[in-house]
């Protein structure tokens, strides 16, 4: 799956919404954080990006419990780098933040069905995962460890901000979101 171009209308749509909500409504003036969150929304439009972590058989994982189990398996491998574990922890943080902030109602469904995640606290897992990822990430990485630490420290505020972003896109003119997402390349 090719990444969505920087100049794509959908990326610009999310960037504008995130910047407005996080700066005006929440007073969180961090361009790096706003860029990260708007990129997260843009990339997670594709379900393949939500399910990018795969088990040893190539099956996409869509539950945090499965992703955490994969990390335990990786711990048993001597050749696995901290970088790979850091990417998985970062994805768990992203995944948790996305569902907690954008679609919190889906977490209620996960709690009443017999999924492996039914007992997990997505906020706690997201904060923890970003914190671990920040410790496993090199200073010259993108995103840098400081941004991952900021996501951990401000997880609840970021989730609330993403809820507000969703409200904004749902109440924007009917054509604006559809025009922005019409051509996903």
C-alpha atoms as a PDB file:
ATOM      1  CA  UNK A   1       0.000   0.000   0.000  1.00  0.00           C
ATOM      2  CA  UNK A   2       1.498   3.289  -1.096  1.00  0.00           C
ATOM      3  CA  UNK A   3       1.517   6.107   1.457  1.00  0.00           C
ATOM      4  CA  UNK A   4      -0.876   8.971   0.845  1.00  0.00           C
ATOM      5  CA  UNK A   5       0.992  11.896  -0.703  1.00  0.00           C
ATOM      6  CA  UNK A   6       1.886  14.935   1.424  1.00  0.00           C
ATOM      7  CA  UNK A   7      -0.129  17.229  -0.836  1.00  0.00           C
ATOM      8  CA  UNK A   8      -3.216  14.997  -0.935  1.00  0.00           C
ATOM      9  CA  UNK A   9      -6.466  16.795  -0.041  1.00  0.00           C
ATOM     10  CA  UNK A  10      -7.314  14.248   2.668  1.00  0.00           C
ATOM     11  CA  UNK A  11      -3.994  14.833   4.456  1.00  0.00           C
ATOM     12  CA  UNK A  12      -4.553  18.602   4.234  1.00  0.00           C
ATOM     13  CA  UNK A  13      -8.126  18.199   5.508  1.00  0.00           C
ATOM     14  CA  UNK A  14      -6.979  16.303   8.614  1.00  0.00           C
ATOM     15  CA  UNK A  15      -4.005  18.615   9.141  1.00  0.00           C
ATOM     16  CA  UNK A  16      -6.296  21.657   9.235  1.00  0.00           C
ATOM     17  CA  UNK A  17      -8.773  20.021  11.617  1.00  0.00           C
ATOM     18  CA  UNK A  18      -6.072  18.760  13.989  1.00  0.00           C
ATOM     19  CA  UNK A  19      -4.226  22.097  14.052  1.00  0.00           C
ATOM     20  CA  UNK A  20      -7.442  24.004  14.773  1.00  0.00           C
ATOM     21  CA  UNK A  21      -8.667  21.680  17.523  1.00  0.00           C
ATOM     22  CA  UNK A  22      -5.333  21.202  19.248  1.00  0.00           C
ATOM     23  CA  UNK A  23      -4.301  24.855  19.087  1.00  0.00           C
ATOM     24  CA  UNK A  24      -7.627  26.671  19.523  1.00  0.00           C
ATOM     25  CA  UNK A  25      -9.637  24.259  21.683  1.00  0.00           C
ATOM     26  CA  UNK A  26      -6.937  22.528  23.713  1.00  0.00           C
ATOM     27  CA  UNK A  27      -4.134  25.096  23.722  1.00  0.00           C
ATOM     28  CA  UNK A  28      -1.604  22.441  22.695  1.00  0.00           C
ATOM     29  CA  UNK A  29       0.607  24.379  20.285  1.00  0.00           C
ATOM     30  CA  UNK A  30       2.973  21.667  19.101  1.00  0.00           C
ATOM     31  CA  UNK A  31       3.434  21.491  15.331  1.00  0.00           C
ATOM     32  CA  UNK A  32       5.227  18.140  15.623  1.00  0.00           C
ATOM     33  CA  UNK A  33       2.357  16.658  17.625  1.00  0.00           C
ATOM     34  CA  UNK A  34      -0.272  18.080  15.248  1.00  0.00           C
ATOM     35  CA  UNK A  35       1.593  16.724  12.227  1.00  0.00           C
ATOM     36  CA  UNK A  36       1.942  13.303  13.852  1.00  0.00           C
ATOM     37  CA  UNK A  37      -1.760  13.094  14.719  1.00  0.00           C
ATOM     38  CA  UNK A  38      -2.959  14.300  11.316  1.00  0.00           C
ATOM     39  CA  UNK A  39      -0.643  11.761   9.664  1.00  0.00           C
ATOM     40  CA  UNK A  40      -2.033   9.058  11.958  1.00  0.00           C
ATOM     41  CA  UNK A  41      -5.598   9.867  10.891  1.00  0.00           C
ATOM     42  CA  UNK A  42      -4.621   9.963   7.238  1.00  0.00           C
ATOM     43  CA  UNK A  43      -2.707   6.697   7.286  1.00  0.00           C
ATOM     44  CA  UNK A  44      -5.316   4.823   9.319  1.00  0.00           C
ATOM     45  CA  UNK A  45      -7.939   5.565   6.642  1.00  0.00           C
ATOM     46  CA  UNK A  46      -6.585   2.359   5.093  1.00  0.00           C
ATOM     47  CA  UNK A  47      -7.550  -0.630   7.235  1.00  0.00           C
ATOM     48  CA  UNK A  48      -4.276  -2.280   6.153  1.00  0.00           C
ATOM     49  CA  UNK A  49      -2.399   0.359   8.138  1.00  0.00           C
ATOM     50  CA  UNK A  50      -4.458  -0.360  11.242  1.00  0.00           C
ATOM     51  CA  UNK A  51      -3.590  -4.016  10.848  1.00  0.00           C
ATOM     52  CA  UNK A  52       0.028  -3.648   9.745  1.00  0.00           C
ATOM     53  CA  UNK A  53       1.479  -5.805  12.543  1.00  0.00           C
ATOM     54  CA  UNK A  54       1.474  -9.449  11.498  1.00  0.00           C
ATOM     55  CA  UNK A  55       2.208 -12.674  13.279  1.00  0.00           C
ATOM     56  CA  UNK A  56       4.797 -15.235  12.166  1.00  0.00           C
ATOM     57  CA  UNK A  57       2.307 -16.696   9.681  1.00  0.00           C
ATOM     58  CA  UNK A  58       1.592 -13.294   8.134  1.00  0.00           C
ATOM     59  CA  UNK A  59      -1.877 -12.955   9.699  1.00  0.00           C
ATOM     60  CA  UNK A  60      -2.719  -9.309  10.486  1.00  0.00           C
ATOM     61  CA  UNK A  61      -3.228  -8.631  14.181  1.00  0.00           C
ATOM     62  CA  UNK A  62      -6.152  -6.445  15.188  1.00  0.00           C
ATOM     63  CA  UNK A  63      -6.079  -6.843  18.945  1.00  0.00           C
ATOM     64  CA  UNK A  64      -3.598  -5.340  21.356  1.00  0.00           C
ATOM     65  CA  UNK A  65      -3.377  -8.609  23.307  1.00  0.00           C
ATOM     66  CA  UNK A  66      -2.144 -10.349  20.145  1.00  0.00           C
ATOM     67  CA  UNK A  67       0.420  -7.605  19.498  1.00  0.00           C
ATOM     68  CA  UNK A  68       1.707  -7.865  23.069  1.00  0.00           C
ATOM     69  CA  UNK A  69       1.975 -11.651  22.683  1.00  0.00           C
ATOM     70  CA  UNK A  70       4.047 -11.089  19.547  1.00  0.00           C
ATOM     71  CA  UNK A  71       6.457  -8.939  21.562  1.00  0.00           C
ATOM     72  CA  UNK A  72       6.830 -11.790  24.064  1.00  0.00           C
ATOM     73  CA  UNK A  73       7.680 -14.103  21.156  1.00  0.00           C
ATOM     74  CA  UNK A  74      10.180 -11.555  19.869  1.00  0.00           C
ATOM     75  CA  UNK A  75      11.816 -11.392  23.316  1.00  0.00           C
ATOM     76  CA  UNK A  76      12.657 -15.072  22.876  1.00  0.00           C
ATOM     77  CA  UNK A  77      14.499 -14.348  19.620  1.00  0.00           C
ATOM     78  CA  UNK A  78      18.120 -13.336  20.033  1.00  0.00           C
ATOM     79  CA  UNK A  79      18.447 -11.639  16.645  1.00  0.00           C
ATOM     80  CA  UNK A  80      15.504  -9.266  17.030  1.00  0.00           C
ATOM     81  CA  UNK A  81      16.451  -5.639  17.447  1.00  0.00           C
ATOM     82  CA  UNK A  82      15.045  -3.134  19.912  1.00  0.00           C
ATOM     83  CA  UNK A  83      14.046  -1.125  16.839  1.00  0.00           C
ATOM     84  CA  UNK A  84      11.499  -3.768  15.786  1.00  0.00           C
ATOM     85  CA  UNK A  85      10.019  -3.954  19.273  1.00  0.00           C
ATOM     86  CA  UNK A  86       9.926  -0.155  19.348  1.00  0.00           C
ATOM     87  CA  UNK A  87       7.937  -0.102  16.091  1.00  0.00           C
ATOM     88  CA  UNK A  88       5.439  -2.590  17.505  1.00  0.00           C
ATOM     89  CA  UNK A  89       5.058  -0.641  20.749  1.00  0.00           C
ATOM     90  CA  UNK A  90       4.613   2.564  18.748  1.00  0.00           C
ATOM     91  CA  UNK A  91       1.918   0.883  16.667  1.00  0.00           C
ATOM     92  CA  UNK A  92       0.156  -0.282  19.832  1.00  0.00           C
ATOM     93  CA  UNK A  93       0.228   3.322  21.044  1.00  0.00           C
ATOM     94  CA  UNK A  94      -1.118   4.570  17.702  1.00  0.00           C
ATOM     95  CA  UNK A  95      -3.764   1.860  17.563  1.00  0.00           C
ATOM     96  CA  UNK A  96      -4.882   2.581  21.127  1.00  0.00           C
ATOM     97  CA  UNK A  97      -4.979   6.322  20.548  1.00  0.00           C
ATOM     98  CA  UNK A  98      -6.934   5.969  17.313  1.00  0.00           C
ATOM     99  CA  UNK A  99      -9.662   3.779  18.819  1.00  0.00           C
ATOM    100  CA  UNK A 100      -9.765   5.665  22.134  1.00  0.00           C
ATOM    101  CA  UNK A 101      -9.951   9.068  20.468  1.00  0.00           C
ATOM    102  CA  UNK A 102     -11.733   8.594  17.162  1.00  0.00           C
ATOM    103  CA  UNK A 103     -14.042   5.636  17.794  1.00  0.00           C
ATOM    104  CA  UNK A 104     -14.400   5.195  21.572  1.00  0.00           C
ATOM    105  CA  UNK A 105     -17.798   3.568  21.085  1.00  0.00           C
ATOM    106  CA  UNK A 106     -16.071   0.596  19.433  1.00  0.00           C
ATOM    107  CA  UNK A 107     -14.180  -0.091  22.664  1.00  0.00           C
ATOM    108  CA  UNK A 108     -17.491  -0.727  24.413  1.00  0.00           C
ATOM    109  CA  UNK A 109     -18.245  -3.373  21.780  1.00  0.00           C
ATOM    110  CA  UNK A 110     -14.851  -5.007  22.374  1.00  0.00           C
ATOM    111  CA  UNK A 111     -15.569  -5.197  26.098  1.00  0.00           C
ATOM    112  CA  UNK A 112     -18.870  -7.041  25.692  1.00  0.00           C
ATOM    113  CA  UNK A 113     -17.712  -9.489  23.029  1.00  0.00           C
ATOM    114  CA  UNK A 114     -15.339 -12.323  23.663  1.00  0.00           C
ATOM    115  CA  UNK A 115     -12.230 -10.710  22.233  1.00  0.00           C
ATOM    116  CA  UNK A 116      -8.794 -10.994  23.792  1.00  0.00           C
ATOM    117  CA  UNK A 117      -8.866  -7.232  24.372  1.00  0.00           C
ATOM    118  CA  UNK A 118     -12.058  -7.216  26.450  1.00  0.00           C
ATOM    119  CA  UNK A 119     -10.171  -6.709  29.717  1.00  0.00           C
ATOM    120  CA  UNK A 120      -7.543  -4.278  28.432  1.00  0.00           C
ATOM    121  CA  UNK A 121      -7.553  -0.584  29.235  1.00  0.00           C
ATOM    122  CA  UNK A 122      -6.665   1.018  25.896  1.00  0.00           C
ATOM    123  CA  UNK A 123      -5.630   4.299  27.516  1.00  0.00           C
ATOM    124  CA  UNK A 124      -3.239   2.566  29.883  1.00  0.00           C
ATOM    125  CA  UNK A 125      -1.844   0.361  27.119  1.00  0.00           C
ATOM    126  CA  UNK A 126      -1.402   3.337  24.799  1.00  0.00           C
ATOM    127  CA  UNK A 127       0.436   5.427  27.395  1.00  0.00           C
ATOM    128  CA  UNK A 128       2.631   2.472  28.362  1.00  0.00           C
ATOM    129  CA  UNK A 129       3.397   1.537  24.757  1.00  0.00           C
ATOM    130  CA  UNK A 130       4.400   5.058  23.726  1.00  0.00           C
ATOM    131  CA  UNK A 131       6.635   5.294  26.830  1.00  0.00           C
ATOM    132  CA  UNK A 132       8.347   1.990  26.022  1.00  0.00           C
ATOM    133  CA  UNK A 133       8.680   2.926  22.347  1.00  0.00           C
ATOM    134  CA  UNK A 134      10.341   6.205  23.328  1.00  0.00           C
ATOM    135  CA  UNK A 135      12.973   4.246  25.246  1.00  0.00           C
ATOM    136  CA  UNK A 136      13.603   1.917  22.296  1.00  0.00           C
ATOM    137  CA  UNK A 137      13.834   4.669  19.684  1.00  0.00           C
ATOM    138  CA  UNK A 138      17.049   6.355  18.619  1.00  0.00           C
ATOM    139  CA  UNK A 139      17.305  10.151  18.852  1.00  0.00           C
ATOM    140  CA  UNK A 140      17.636  10.494  15.065  1.00  0.00           C
ATOM    141  CA  UNK A 141      14.490   8.427  14.380  1.00  0.00           C
ATOM    142  CA  UNK A 142      11.230   9.694  12.967  1.00  0.00           C
ATOM    143  CA  UNK A 143       9.328  10.277  15.145  1.00  0.00           C
ATOM    144  CA  UNK A 144      11.922  11.134  17.771  1.00  0.00           C
ATOM    145  CA  UNK A 145      11.684   9.653  21.276  1.00  0.00           C
ATOM    146  CA  UNK A 146      10.671  13.040  22.724  1.00  0.00           C
ATOM    147  CA  UNK A 147       7.493  13.052  20.608  1.00  0.00           C
ATOM    148  CA  UNK A 148       6.632   9.507  21.664  1.00  0.00           C
ATOM    149  CA  UNK A 149       7.139  10.549  25.294  1.00  0.00           C
ATOM    150  CA  UNK A 150       4.855  13.559  24.684  1.00  0.00           C
ATOM    151  CA  UNK A 151       2.187  11.212  23.295  1.00  0.00           C
ATOM    152  CA  UNK A 152       2.518   9.034  26.397  1.00  0.00           C
ATOM    153  CA  UNK A 153       2.401  11.948  28.828  1.00  0.00           C
ATOM    154  CA  UNK A 154      -0.550  13.608  27.062  1.00  0.00           C
ATOM    155  CA  UNK A 155      -2.425  10.514  25.899  1.00  0.00           C
ATOM    156  CA  UNK A 156      -5.772  11.499  27.422  1.00  0.00           C
ATOM    157  CA  UNK A 157      -5.588  15.041  26.006  1.00  0.00           C
ATOM    158  CA  UNK A 158      -4.678  13.684  22.575  1.00  0.00           C
ATOM    159  CA  UNK A 159      -7.566  11.196  22.693  1.00  0.00           C
ATOM    160  CA  UNK A 160      -9.952  13.990  23.675  1.00  0.00           C
ATOM    161  CA  UNK A 161      -8.574  16.148  20.877  1.00  0.00           C
ATOM    162  CA  UNK A 162      -9.153  13.369  18.354  1.00  0.00           C
ATOM    163  CA  UNK A 163     -12.747  13.073  19.598  1.00  0.00           C
ATOM    164  CA  UNK A 164     -13.156  16.786  18.872  1.00  0.00           C
ATOM    165  CA  UNK A 165     -11.558  16.346  15.437  1.00  0.00           C
ATOM    166  CA  UNK A 166     -14.092  13.620  14.641  1.00  0.00           C
ATOM    167  CA  UNK A 167     -16.935  15.901  15.728  1.00  0.00           C
ATOM    168  CA  UNK A 168     -15.565  18.625  13.464  1.00  0.00           C
ATOM    169  CA  UNK A 169     -15.327  16.387  10.411  1.00  0.00           C
ATOM    170  CA  UNK A 170     -18.787  14.973  11.064  1.00  0.00           C
ATOM    171  CA  UNK A 171     -20.221  18.502  11.253  1.00  0.00           C
ATOM    172  CA  UNK A 172     -18.254  19.949   8.357  1.00  0.00           C
ATOM    173  CA  UNK A 173     -20.013  20.476   5.072  1.00  0.00           C
ATOM    174  CA  UNK A 174     -21.072  17.144   3.587  1.00  0.00           C
ATOM    175  CA  UNK A 175     -18.873  17.589   0.552  1.00  0.00           C
ATOM    176  CA  UNK A 176     -15.641  18.620   2.260  1.00  0.00           C
ATOM    177  CA  UNK A 177     -14.703  15.208   3.680  1.00  0.00           C
ATOM    178  CA  UNK A 178     -15.909  13.368   0.576  1.00  0.00           C
ATOM    179  CA  UNK A 179     -13.942  15.677  -1.718  1.00  0.00           C
ATOM    180  CA  UNK A 180     -10.868  15.246   0.449  1.00  0.00           C
ATOM    181  CA  UNK A 181     -11.081  11.452   0.460  1.00  0.00           C
ATOM    182  CA  UNK A 182     -12.363  10.956  -3.092  1.00  0.00           C
ATOM    183  CA  UNK A 183      -9.041   9.933  -4.582  1.00  0.00           C
ATOM    184  CA  UNK A 184      -6.882   7.903  -2.236  1.00  0.00           C
ATOM    185  CA  UNK A 185      -3.553   7.261  -3.892  1.00  0.00           C
END
